[in-house]
Amino acid sequence: MPARRRVDPAAGHDALAVCESAPDLSTVPRAVVATAVRFTLEELAARHPGRSVEVRVPPHGAVQCVEGPTHKRGTPPNVFETDAPTWLGLVTGTVAWSEAEASGRIRASGLRADLSAYLPMAGV
């Protein structure tokens, strides 16, 4: 089943463009950052459907994606978590996976939590 969209794709693209053009995300209204994060999380889930990895960008959103064993209760075995600036940088390619990992800006647990094969996401 495809992921359910809550963010209008046009609004998501617009919010992402604002975030990309800002010199620092702290200058972007929180609602715009939240829209960009939620849109890109939904896009990741749409491109890589499944329930084996939970991707969290608190406090803005979380999705489950990537094919494989699913989890139903409790903390999932494969979790990826980061902050909004790092997430948007990974999505757009302005932050490299290796850089974010080395600096401790991402927390990934489980064999499937390495999302480097899926990021950056072309065409978002």
N, C-alpha and C. Protein backbone atom coordinates (compact mmCIF):
# COMPACT_ATOMS: atom_id res chain seq x y z
N MET A 1 0.84 -1.17 0.00
CA MET A 1 0.00 0.00 0.00
C MET A 1 0.89 1.24 0.00
N PRO A 2 0.64 2.21 -0.90
CA PRO A 2 1.47 3.41 -0.93
C PRO A 2 1.27 4.26 0.32
N ALA A 3 2.30 5.00 0.66
CA ALA A 3 2.22 5.87 1.82
C ALA A 3 1.16 6.94 1.61
N ARG A 4 0.46 7.27 2.66
CA ARG A 4 -0.57 8.30 2.60
C ARG A 4 0.08 9.68 2.65
N ARG A 5 -0.30 10.54 1.74
CA ARG A 5 0.23 11.90 1.69
C ARG A 5 -0.60 12.82 2.56
N ARG A 6 0.06 13.55 3.41
CA ARG A 6 -0.61 14.56 4.22
C ARG A 6 -0.21 15.96 3.76
N VAL A 7 0.95 16.05 3.16
CA VAL A 7 1.45 17.34 2.68
C VAL A 7 1.23 17.42 1.17
N ASP A 8 0.60 18.49 0.74
CA ASP A 8 0.42 18.72 -0.69
C ASP A 8 1.80 18.81 -1.34
N PRO A 9 2.08 18.03 -2.38
CA PRO A 9 3.41 18.05 -3.00
C PRO A 9 3.85 19.44 -3.44
N ALA A 10 2.95 20.26 -3.96
CA ALA A 10 3.34 21.62 -4.38
C ALA A 10 3.79 22.44 -3.17
N ALA A 11 3.06 22.34 -2.07
CA ALA A 11 3.44 23.06 -0.85
C ALA A 11 4.76 22.52 -0.31
N GLY A 12 4.97 21.21 -0.42
CA GLY A 12 6.22 20.61 0.03
C GLY A 12 7.41 21.08 -0.78
N HIS A 13 7.24 21.12 -2.10
CA HIS A 13 8.32 21.62 -2.97
C HIS A 13 8.63 23.07 -2.65
N ASP A 14 7.59 23.88 -2.45
CA ASP A 14 7.79 25.29 -2.12
C ASP A 14 8.54 25.45 -0.81
N ALA A 15 8.13 24.70 0.21
CA ALA A 15 8.79 24.78 1.51
C ALA A 15 10.24 24.33 1.42
N LEU A 16 10.48 23.29 0.67
CA LEU A 16 11.85 22.80 0.50
C LEU A 16 12.70 23.84 -0.22
N ALA A 17 12.15 24.51 -1.21
CA ALA A 17 12.89 25.56 -1.93
C ALA A 17 13.25 26.71 -0.99
N VAL A 18 12.34 27.09 -0.11
CA VAL A 18 12.62 28.15 0.87
C VAL A 18 13.76 27.72 1.78
N CYS A 19 13.69 26.48 2.26
CA CYS A 19 14.74 25.97 3.15
C CYS A 19 16.09 25.91 2.46
N GLU A 20 16.09 25.48 1.20
CA GLU A 20 17.35 25.38 0.46
C GLU A 20 17.97 26.76 0.20
N SER A 21 17.14 27.77 0.01
CA SER A 21 17.66 29.09 -0.31
C SER A 21 18.09 29.88 0.92
N ALA A 22 17.70 29.44 2.09
CA ALA A 22 18.04 30.15 3.33
C ALA A 22 19.49 29.89 3.72
N PRO A 23 20.18 30.91 4.17
CA PRO A 23 21.56 30.69 4.61
C PRO A 23 21.65 29.83 5.87
N ASP A 24 20.56 29.84 6.66
CA ASP A 24 20.52 29.09 7.90
C ASP A 24 19.06 28.77 8.19
N LEU A 25 18.76 27.51 8.54
CA LEU A 25 17.36 27.13 8.78
C LEU A 25 16.75 27.86 9.97
N SER A 26 17.58 28.42 10.85
CA SER A 26 17.02 29.15 11.99
C SER A 26 16.31 30.42 11.55
N THR A 27 16.56 30.86 10.31
CA THR A 27 15.90 32.05 9.78
C THR A 27 14.58 31.72 9.08
N VAL A 28 14.30 30.44 8.91
CA VAL A 28 13.09 29.99 8.21
C VAL A 28 11.99 29.74 9.24
N PRO A 29 10.77 30.18 8.99
CA PRO A 29 9.69 29.90 9.94
C PRO A 29 9.56 28.41 10.21
N ARG A 30 9.29 28.08 11.47
CA ARG A 30 9.21 26.68 11.89
C ARG A 30 8.18 25.89 11.07
N ALA A 31 7.07 26.52 10.73
CA ALA A 31 6.03 25.83 9.96
C ALA A 31 6.53 25.45 8.56
N VAL A 32 7.39 26.28 7.99
CA VAL A 32 7.94 25.99 6.66
C VAL A 32 8.91 24.82 6.75
N VAL A 33 9.77 24.84 7.76
CA VAL A 33 10.70 23.72 7.97
C VAL A 33 9.92 22.43 8.20
N ALA A 34 8.89 22.49 9.02
CA ALA A 34 8.08 21.30 9.30
C ALA A 34 7.45 20.76 8.02
N THR A 35 6.95 21.64 7.17
CA THR A 35 6.35 21.20 5.91
C THR A 35 7.39 20.54 5.02
N ALA A 36 8.57 21.13 4.92
CA ALA A 36 9.63 20.55 4.09
C ALA A 36 10.05 19.18 4.62
N VAL A 37 10.19 19.05 5.92
CA VAL A 37 10.59 17.77 6.51
C VAL A 37 9.51 16.72 6.28
N ARG A 38 8.27 17.06 6.56
CA ARG A 38 7.18 16.09 6.39
C ARG A 38 7.04 15.67 4.93
N PHE A 39 7.16 16.63 4.03
CA PHE A 39 7.07 16.32 2.60
C PHE A 39 8.17 15.34 2.20
N THR A 40 9.40 15.59 2.62
CA THR A 40 10.51 14.72 2.22
C THR A 40 10.42 13.35 2.89
N LEU A 41 9.92 13.30 4.11
CA LEU A 41 9.70 12.00 4.75
C LEU A 41 8.65 11.20 3.97
N GLU A 42 7.57 11.86 3.59
CA GLU A 42 6.53 11.19 2.80
C GLU A 42 7.08 10.74 1.45
N GLU A 43 7.93 11.55 0.86
CA GLU A 43 8.52 11.20 -0.43
C GLU A 43 9.43 9.97 -0.29
N LEU A 44 10.20 9.92 0.78
CA LEU A 44 11.05 8.74 1.04
C LEU A 44 10.19 7.49 1.16
N ALA A 45 9.11 7.58 1.92
CA ALA A 45 8.22 6.42 2.11
C ALA A 45 7.53 6.03 0.80
N ALA A 46 7.21 7.01 -0.03
CA ALA A 46 6.57 6.71 -1.32
C ALA A 46 7.56 6.03 -2.27
N ARG A 47 8.80 6.47 -2.26
CA ARG A 47 9.81 5.91 -3.16
C ARG A 47 10.31 4.55 -2.70
N HIS A 48 10.32 4.33 -1.40
CA HIS A 48 10.86 3.09 -0.82
C HIS A 48 9.87 2.53 0.19
N PRO A 49 8.74 2.01 -0.31
CA PRO A 49 7.69 1.54 0.60
C PRO A 49 8.14 0.32 1.41
N GLY A 50 7.57 0.22 2.56
CA GLY A 50 7.86 -0.89 3.46
C GLY A 50 7.69 -0.43 4.89
N ARG A 51 8.03 -1.33 5.80
CA ARG A 51 7.88 -1.00 7.22
C ARG A 51 9.05 -1.53 8.04
N SER A 52 10.22 -1.67 7.42
CA SER A 52 11.34 -2.25 8.16
C SER A 52 12.22 -1.21 8.84
N VAL A 53 12.13 0.06 8.44
CA VAL A 53 12.95 1.11 9.03
C VAL A 53 12.04 2.27 9.44
N GLU A 54 12.24 2.76 10.65
CA GLU A 54 11.52 3.95 11.07
C GLU A 54 12.48 5.12 10.98
N VAL A 55 12.08 6.15 10.24
CA VAL A 55 12.88 7.36 10.06
C VAL A 55 12.22 8.46 10.87
N ARG A 56 12.98 9.03 11.80
CA ARG A 56 12.45 10.05 12.70
C ARG A 56 13.22 11.36 12.55
N VAL A 57 12.46 12.44 12.44
CA VAL A 57 13.04 13.79 12.43
C VAL A 57 12.22 14.60 13.44
N PRO A 58 12.53 14.42 14.73
CA PRO A 58 11.73 15.10 15.74
C PRO A 58 11.97 16.62 15.73
N PRO A 59 10.98 17.40 16.02
CA PRO A 59 9.62 17.03 16.38
C PRO A 59 8.67 17.02 15.18
N HIS A 60 9.22 17.03 13.98
CA HIS A 60 8.42 17.25 12.78
C HIS A 60 7.71 16.02 12.23
N GLY A 61 8.29 14.85 12.33
CA GLY A 61 7.62 13.70 11.76
C GLY A 61 8.44 12.43 11.79
N ALA A 62 7.78 11.36 11.41
CA ALA A 62 8.40 10.04 11.33
C ALA A 62 7.62 9.22 10.31
N VAL A 63 8.34 8.35 9.60
CA VAL A 63 7.70 7.43 8.67
C VAL A 63 8.37 6.07 8.79
N GLN A 64 7.66 5.07 8.31
CA GLN A 64 8.26 3.75 8.15
C GLN A 64 8.41 3.51 6.66
N CYS A 65 9.54 2.93 6.29
CA CYS A 65 9.82 2.71 4.88
C CYS A 65 10.77 1.53 4.72
N VAL A 66 11.13 1.21 3.53
CA VAL A 66 12.08 0.19 3.11
C VAL A 66 11.50 -1.22 3.32
N GLU A 67 11.54 -1.98 2.25
CA GLU A 67 11.04 -3.35 2.30
C GLU A 67 11.87 -4.19 3.25
N GLY A 68 11.25 -5.18 3.81
CA GLY A 68 11.94 -6.10 4.71
C GLY A 68 11.02 -6.49 5.84
N PRO A 69 11.59 -7.11 6.88
CA PRO A 69 10.77 -7.53 8.02
C PRO A 69 10.10 -6.33 8.66
N THR A 70 8.84 -6.48 9.01
CA THR A 70 8.11 -5.39 9.62
C THR A 70 8.09 -5.54 11.13
N HIS A 71 7.86 -4.43 11.80
CA HIS A 71 7.69 -4.49 13.25
C HIS A 71 6.29 -3.98 13.55
N LYS A 72 5.72 -4.48 14.63
CA LYS A 72 4.34 -4.11 14.93
C LYS A 72 4.19 -3.46 16.30
N ARG A 73 5.07 -3.78 17.24
CA ARG A 73 4.92 -3.25 18.59
C ARG A 73 6.27 -2.83 19.15
N GLY A 74 6.25 -1.81 19.97
CA GLY A 74 7.46 -1.38 20.64
C GLY A 74 8.41 -0.65 19.72
N THR A 75 9.63 -0.51 20.17
CA THR A 75 10.64 0.18 19.39
C THR A 75 11.08 -0.70 18.23
N PRO A 76 11.06 -0.15 17.02
CA PRO A 76 11.47 -0.96 15.87
C PRO A 76 12.96 -1.30 15.94
N PRO A 77 13.36 -2.41 15.34
CA PRO A 77 14.77 -2.80 15.38
C PRO A 77 15.66 -1.93 14.50
N ASN A 78 15.09 -1.24 13.52
CA ASN A 78 15.87 -0.40 12.61
C ASN A 78 15.32 1.02 12.69
N VAL A 79 16.11 1.90 13.31
CA VAL A 79 15.67 3.28 13.52
C VAL A 79 16.76 4.23 13.03
N PHE A 80 16.33 5.24 12.29
CA PHE A 80 17.21 6.32 11.86
C PHE A 80 16.61 7.60 12.43
N GLU A 81 17.45 8.42 13.08
CA GLU A 81 16.96 9.67 13.65
C GLU A 81 17.98 10.77 13.45
N THR A 82 17.49 11.96 13.14
CA THR A 82 18.34 13.13 12.99
C THR A 82 17.52 14.39 13.20
N ASP A 83 18.18 15.54 13.15
CA ASP A 83 17.48 16.81 13.26
C ASP A 83 17.09 17.32 11.88
N ALA A 84 16.27 18.35 11.85
CA ALA A 84 15.74 18.87 10.58
C ALA A 84 16.84 19.39 9.64
N PRO A 85 17.79 20.20 10.11
CA PRO A 85 18.82 20.68 9.18
C PRO A 85 19.63 19.54 8.55
N THR A 86 19.98 18.55 9.34
CA THR A 86 20.74 17.42 8.81
C THR A 86 19.90 16.63 7.83
N TRP A 87 18.63 16.36 8.18
CA TRP A 87 17.75 15.61 7.29
C TRP A 87 17.61 16.30 5.94
N LEU A 88 17.30 17.58 5.97
CA LEU A 88 17.10 18.30 4.71
C LEU A 88 18.41 18.36 3.91
N GLY A 89 19.53 18.46 4.60
CA GLY A 89 20.82 18.42 3.91
C GLY A 89 21.09 17.08 3.26
N LEU A 90 20.75 15.99 3.95
CA LEU A 90 20.92 14.65 3.38
C LEU A 90 20.01 14.46 2.17
N VAL A 91 18.78 14.93 2.29
CA VAL A 91 17.80 14.79 1.20
C VAL A 91 18.25 15.54 -0.05
N THR A 92 18.76 16.74 0.13
CA THR A 92 19.12 17.59 -1.00
C THR A 92 20.56 17.37 -1.48
N GLY A 93 21.35 16.67 -0.70
CA GLY A 93 22.72 16.41 -1.10
C GLY A 93 23.72 17.45 -0.63
N THR A 94 23.30 18.40 0.19
CA THR A 94 24.24 19.39 0.70
C THR A 94 25.01 18.89 1.91
N VAL A 95 24.56 17.78 2.48
CA VAL A 95 25.26 17.10 3.57
C VAL A 95 25.50 15.67 3.13
N ALA A 96 26.74 15.22 3.22
CA ALA A 96 27.08 13.84 2.85
C ALA A 96 26.79 12.91 4.03
N TRP A 97 26.34 11.70 3.71
CA TRP A 97 26.05 10.70 4.74
C TRP A 97 27.26 10.51 5.65
N SER A 98 28.43 10.33 5.05
CA SER A 98 29.64 10.06 5.84
C SER A 98 29.95 11.23 6.78
N GLU A 99 29.73 12.44 6.31
CA GLU A 99 29.96 13.62 7.14
C GLU A 99 29.00 13.66 8.33
N ALA A 100 27.72 13.43 8.06
CA ALA A 100 26.71 13.44 9.13
C ALA A 100 26.96 12.32 10.13
N GLU A 101 27.34 11.17 9.63
CA GLU A 101 27.61 10.03 10.51
C GLU A 101 28.84 10.29 11.38
N ALA A 102 29.91 10.79 10.76
CA ALA A 102 31.16 11.04 11.50
C ALA A 102 30.98 12.12 12.57
N SER A 103 30.12 13.09 12.29
CA SER A 103 29.93 14.18 13.24
C SER A 103 28.89 13.85 14.31
N GLY A 104 28.26 12.69 14.22
CA GLY A 104 27.29 12.28 15.21
C GLY A 104 25.92 12.93 15.05
N ARG A 105 25.66 13.50 13.88
CA ARG A 105 24.37 14.17 13.66
C ARG A 105 23.26 13.19 13.28
N ILE A 106 23.62 11.95 13.00
CA ILE A 106 22.60 10.94 12.76
C ILE A 106 22.77 9.81 13.77
N ARG A 107 21.65 9.22 14.13
CA ARG A 107 21.65 8.06 15.00
C ARG A 107 20.93 6.96 14.24
N ALA A 108 21.67 5.92 13.93
CA ALA A 108 21.11 4.81 13.15
C ALA A 108 21.39 3.51 13.87
N SER A 109 20.33 2.76 14.13
CA SER A 109 20.51 1.47 14.78
C SER A 109 19.81 0.40 13.95
N GLY A 110 20.43 -0.73 13.86
CA GLY A 110 19.87 -1.83 13.09
C GLY A 110 20.54 -1.95 11.74
N LEU A 111 20.48 -3.15 11.17
CA LEU A 111 21.16 -3.43 9.91
C LEU A 111 20.60 -2.63 8.73
N ARG A 112 19.32 -2.31 8.77
CA ARG A 112 18.67 -1.64 7.64
C ARG A 112 18.61 -0.12 7.80
N ALA A 113 19.12 0.42 8.89
CA ALA A 113 18.98 1.85 9.18
C ALA A 113 19.95 2.73 8.40
N ASP A 114 20.85 2.14 7.65
CA ASP A 114 21.75 2.93 6.80
C ASP A 114 20.98 3.34 5.54
N LEU A 115 20.60 4.59 5.47
CA LEU A 115 19.80 5.10 4.36
C LEU A 115 20.64 5.74 3.25
N SER A 116 21.94 5.56 3.31
CA SER A 116 22.82 6.22 2.33
C SER A 116 22.51 5.81 0.89
N ALA A 117 21.93 4.65 0.68
CA ALA A 117 21.57 4.23 -0.68
C ALA A 117 20.35 4.99 -1.21
N TYR A 118 19.59 5.61 -0.32
CA TYR A 118 18.36 6.30 -0.69
C TYR A 118 18.49 7.83 -0.69
N LEU A 119 19.61 8.32 -0.16
CA LEU A 119 19.81 9.76 -0.03
C LEU A 119 21.09 10.18 -0.73
N PRO A 120 21.13 11.32 -1.39
CA PRO A 120 20.05 12.30 -1.54
C PRO A 120 18.95 11.77 -2.47
N MET A 121 17.81 12.46 -2.43
CA MET A 121 16.68 12.07 -3.26
C MET A 121 16.58 13.03 -4.45
N ALA A 122 16.88 12.52 -5.61
CA ALA A 122 16.83 13.35 -6.82
C ALA A 122 15.39 13.77 -7.11
N GLY A 123 15.25 14.99 -7.57
CA GLY A 123 13.95 15.46 -8.02
C GLY A 123 13.00 15.94 -6.95
N VAL A 124 13.48 16.09 -5.71
CA VAL A 124 12.57 16.64 -4.70
C VAL A 124 12.70 18.14 -4.64
